[in-house]
Each structure stands twice: as structure tokens, then as C-alpha cells.
N, C-alpha and C. Protein backbone atom coordinates (compact mmCIF):
# COMPACT_ATOMS: atom_id res chain seq x y z
N MET A 1 11.98 -7.52 6.56
CA MET A 1 12.14 -6.13 6.71
C MET A 1 11.12 -5.37 5.87
N ILE A 2 11.10 -5.48 4.53
CA ILE A 2 10.19 -4.79 3.71
C ILE A 2 8.76 -5.33 3.85
N LYS A 3 8.67 -6.62 4.15
CA LYS A 3 7.37 -7.25 4.35
C LYS A 3 6.71 -6.68 5.57
N ARG A 4 7.47 -6.22 6.49
CA ARG A 4 6.88 -5.62 7.75
C ARG A 4 6.66 -4.12 7.57
N GLU A 5 7.08 -3.52 6.45
CA GLU A 5 6.95 -2.11 6.24
C GLU A 5 6.29 -1.88 4.83
N PRO A 6 5.12 -2.40 4.58
CA PRO A 6 4.54 -2.22 3.25
C PRO A 6 4.25 -0.78 2.87
N ASP A 7 4.04 0.13 3.82
CA ASP A 7 3.78 1.49 3.56
C ASP A 7 5.02 2.22 3.00
N LEU A 8 6.20 1.63 3.16
CA LEU A 8 7.44 2.25 2.73
C LEU A 8 7.87 1.79 1.30
N VAL A 9 7.19 0.81 0.75
CA VAL A 9 7.65 0.21 -0.51
C VAL A 9 7.82 1.22 -1.61
N ALA A 10 6.85 2.14 -1.77
CA ALA A 10 6.94 3.09 -2.86
C ALA A 10 8.13 4.04 -2.64
N LYS A 11 8.35 4.49 -1.41
CA LYS A 11 9.44 5.38 -1.13
C LYS A 11 10.79 4.69 -1.33
N ILE A 12 10.90 3.42 -0.91
CA ILE A 12 12.13 2.68 -1.08
C ILE A 12 12.40 2.41 -2.53
N THR A 13 11.37 2.13 -3.28
CA THR A 13 11.52 1.87 -4.73
C THR A 13 12.06 3.18 -5.37
N GLY A 14 11.47 4.30 -5.01
CA GLY A 14 11.97 5.60 -5.54
C GLY A 14 13.40 5.91 -5.16
N MET A 15 13.77 5.53 -3.96
CA MET A 15 15.13 5.73 -3.50
C MET A 15 16.13 4.89 -4.33
N LEU A 16 15.68 3.64 -4.59
CA LEU A 16 16.57 2.77 -5.42
C LEU A 16 16.67 3.22 -6.84
N LEU A 17 15.55 3.72 -7.38
CA LEU A 17 15.56 4.19 -8.76
C LEU A 17 16.40 5.46 -8.95
N GLU A 18 16.63 6.19 -7.90
CA GLU A 18 17.50 7.34 -7.99
C GLU A 18 18.97 7.00 -8.05
N MET A 19 19.30 5.75 -7.76
CA MET A 19 20.69 5.35 -7.73
C MET A 19 21.21 5.19 -9.17
N ASP A 20 22.52 5.16 -9.31
CA ASP A 20 23.17 5.02 -10.56
C ASP A 20 22.79 3.60 -11.12
N ASN A 21 22.49 3.49 -12.44
CA ASN A 21 22.10 2.23 -13.02
C ASN A 21 23.09 1.12 -12.82
N SER A 22 24.40 1.39 -12.83
CA SER A 22 25.39 0.37 -12.68
C SER A 22 25.32 -0.19 -11.24
N GLU A 23 25.10 0.72 -10.26
CA GLU A 23 24.95 0.25 -8.86
C GLU A 23 23.67 -0.60 -8.71
N LEU A 24 22.59 -0.19 -9.40
CA LEU A 24 21.37 -0.98 -9.35
C LEU A 24 21.58 -2.36 -9.93
N LEU A 25 22.33 -2.47 -11.00
CA LEU A 25 22.61 -3.79 -11.58
C LEU A 25 23.37 -4.68 -10.59
N LEU A 26 24.30 -4.08 -9.88
CA LEU A 26 25.02 -4.82 -8.89
C LEU A 26 24.14 -5.34 -7.76
N LEU A 27 23.20 -4.48 -7.39
CA LEU A 27 22.24 -4.91 -6.33
C LEU A 27 21.39 -6.03 -6.81
N LEU A 28 20.97 -5.99 -8.08
CA LEU A 28 20.11 -7.06 -8.61
C LEU A 28 20.86 -8.42 -8.68
N GLU A 29 22.19 -8.36 -8.82
CA GLU A 29 23.00 -9.52 -8.92
C GLU A 29 23.29 -10.13 -7.53
N SER A 30 23.09 -9.34 -6.48
CA SER A 30 23.39 -9.81 -5.15
C SER A 30 22.24 -9.57 -4.17
N PRO A 31 21.44 -10.62 -3.93
CA PRO A 31 20.31 -10.44 -3.03
C PRO A 31 20.72 -9.98 -1.63
N ASP A 32 21.83 -10.38 -1.12
CA ASP A 32 22.23 -9.95 0.22
C ASP A 32 22.54 -8.44 0.22
N THR A 33 23.25 -7.97 -0.79
CA THR A 33 23.52 -6.52 -0.92
C THR A 33 22.26 -5.76 -1.11
N LEU A 34 21.30 -6.25 -1.89
CA LEU A 34 20.05 -5.57 -2.07
C LEU A 34 19.28 -5.48 -0.80
N ALA A 35 19.24 -6.58 -0.03
CA ALA A 35 18.55 -6.64 1.23
C ALA A 35 19.19 -5.59 2.22
N SER A 36 20.50 -5.52 2.20
CA SER A 36 21.17 -4.56 3.04
C SER A 36 20.85 -3.10 2.68
N LYS A 37 20.79 -2.84 1.38
CA LYS A 37 20.44 -1.47 0.90
C LYS A 37 19.04 -1.13 1.28
N ILE A 38 18.13 -2.09 1.17
CA ILE A 38 16.72 -1.86 1.54
C ILE A 38 16.62 -1.61 3.00
N GLU A 39 17.35 -2.37 3.80
CA GLU A 39 17.31 -2.14 5.27
C GLU A 39 17.81 -0.78 5.60
N GLU A 40 18.87 -0.36 4.91
CA GLU A 40 19.39 0.99 5.09
C GLU A 40 18.38 2.04 4.79
N ALA A 41 17.63 1.86 3.69
CA ALA A 41 16.61 2.75 3.26
C ALA A 41 15.47 2.84 4.31
N VAL A 42 15.07 1.69 4.82
CA VAL A 42 14.06 1.60 5.87
C VAL A 42 14.48 2.44 7.11
N GLN A 43 15.75 2.27 7.53
CA GLN A 43 16.22 3.03 8.68
C GLN A 43 16.20 4.49 8.42
N VAL A 44 16.65 4.93 7.26
CA VAL A 44 16.66 6.36 6.91
C VAL A 44 15.22 6.91 6.95
N LEU A 45 14.30 6.17 6.35
CA LEU A 45 12.92 6.64 6.35
C LEU A 45 12.29 6.70 7.74
N LYS A 46 12.63 5.71 8.59
CA LYS A 46 12.12 5.72 9.96
C LYS A 46 12.67 6.92 10.73
N ILE A 47 13.99 7.22 10.55
CA ILE A 47 14.59 8.36 11.23
C ILE A 47 13.96 9.66 10.70
N SER A 48 13.79 9.76 9.38
CA SER A 48 13.15 10.89 8.83
C SER A 48 11.73 11.10 9.31
N LYS A 49 10.98 10.01 9.45
CA LYS A 49 9.61 10.08 9.92
C LYS A 49 9.58 10.50 11.43
N THR A 50 10.48 10.03 12.23
CA THR A 50 10.56 10.40 13.62
C THR A 50 10.87 11.88 13.75
N LYS A 51 11.84 12.33 12.97
CA LYS A 51 12.20 13.77 13.03
C LYS A 51 11.03 14.65 12.61
N ALA A 52 10.38 14.24 11.49
CA ALA A 52 9.27 15.02 10.94
C ALA A 52 8.10 15.06 11.97
N SER A 53 7.80 13.97 12.61
CA SER A 53 6.68 13.95 13.56
C SER A 53 7.01 14.76 14.79
N GLY A 54 8.29 14.82 15.17
CA GLY A 54 8.70 15.62 16.30
C GLY A 54 8.60 17.10 16.03
N GLN A 55 8.96 17.45 14.82
CA GLN A 55 8.87 18.90 14.45
C GLN A 55 7.38 19.27 14.22
N ASP A 56 6.60 18.38 13.62
CA ASP A 56 5.24 18.71 13.32
C ASP A 56 4.46 18.95 14.61
N SER A 57 4.80 18.25 15.69
CA SER A 57 4.08 18.38 16.94
C SER A 57 4.23 19.77 17.56
N LEU A 58 5.26 20.45 17.16
CA LEU A 58 5.47 21.79 17.65
C LEU A 58 4.93 22.90 16.72
N HIS A 59 4.46 22.54 15.55
CA HIS A 59 3.97 23.46 14.59
C HIS A 59 2.66 24.03 15.10
N PRO A 60 2.44 25.33 15.08
CA PRO A 60 1.26 25.96 15.60
C PRO A 60 -0.06 25.37 15.05
N SER A 61 -0.15 24.92 13.82
CA SER A 61 -1.36 24.41 13.29
C SER A 61 -1.81 23.11 13.98
N TYR A 62 -0.87 22.48 14.66
CA TYR A 62 -1.15 21.25 15.37
C TYR A 62 -1.54 21.44 16.82
N LEU A 63 -1.50 22.68 17.28
CA LEU A 63 -1.84 22.99 18.66
C LEU A 63 -3.29 23.48 18.74
N PRO A 64 -3.91 23.29 19.88
CA PRO A 64 -5.25 23.81 20.09
C PRO A 64 -5.24 25.35 19.84
N ALA A 65 -6.38 25.88 19.42
CA ALA A 65 -6.44 27.31 19.10
C ALA A 65 -6.05 28.17 20.27
N GLU A 66 -6.39 27.80 21.49
CA GLU A 66 -6.03 28.63 22.63
C GLU A 66 -4.53 28.55 23.02
N VAL A 67 -3.81 27.58 22.43
CA VAL A 67 -2.41 27.47 22.70
C VAL A 67 -1.57 28.02 21.58
N ALA A 68 -2.08 27.97 20.36
CA ALA A 68 -1.36 28.33 19.15
C ALA A 68 -0.93 29.77 19.22
N VAL A 69 0.34 30.00 18.83
CA VAL A 69 0.83 31.41 18.75
C VAL A 69 1.06 31.74 17.28
N ASN A 70 0.42 32.81 16.83
CA ASN A 70 0.53 33.17 15.37
C ASN A 70 1.37 34.35 15.29
């Protein structure tokens, strides 16, 4: 999962570091739970990226000058 998404490593690390320390310790003790949490983060980031790219494509600055409405 993370090996296939190297561009997300920094964001996933940041997401994990925002968690409560006690929850992080539990994740470090359970590789399966950690893997599950990482997969969850990957899915959230992919959904976020999809939504952002869909919205950005409608932003006037991404349209040709003759189409853009200001």
C-alpha cells in the first residue's frame, strides 16, 4: 500500500503524528492495526485528491482565456 504510494508518505506521517500519543503507541505495537490505519489514510487522501482535482478543473484560472469568466 504505502510502497505503491511514495508521494503520500509525508502526508500520512503527518496524519499519524496528529493522533493522540497513546493511540500511536498502540499502532506501533500492532503492525496489522498500523497497516489498516495507513490504508485508511491512503483512501482519505485519494478521495481528497479526487475532489480537489474535480473542483480545480472548474476554477476559472484553469480555463483558457476565451472561456474563463471573471
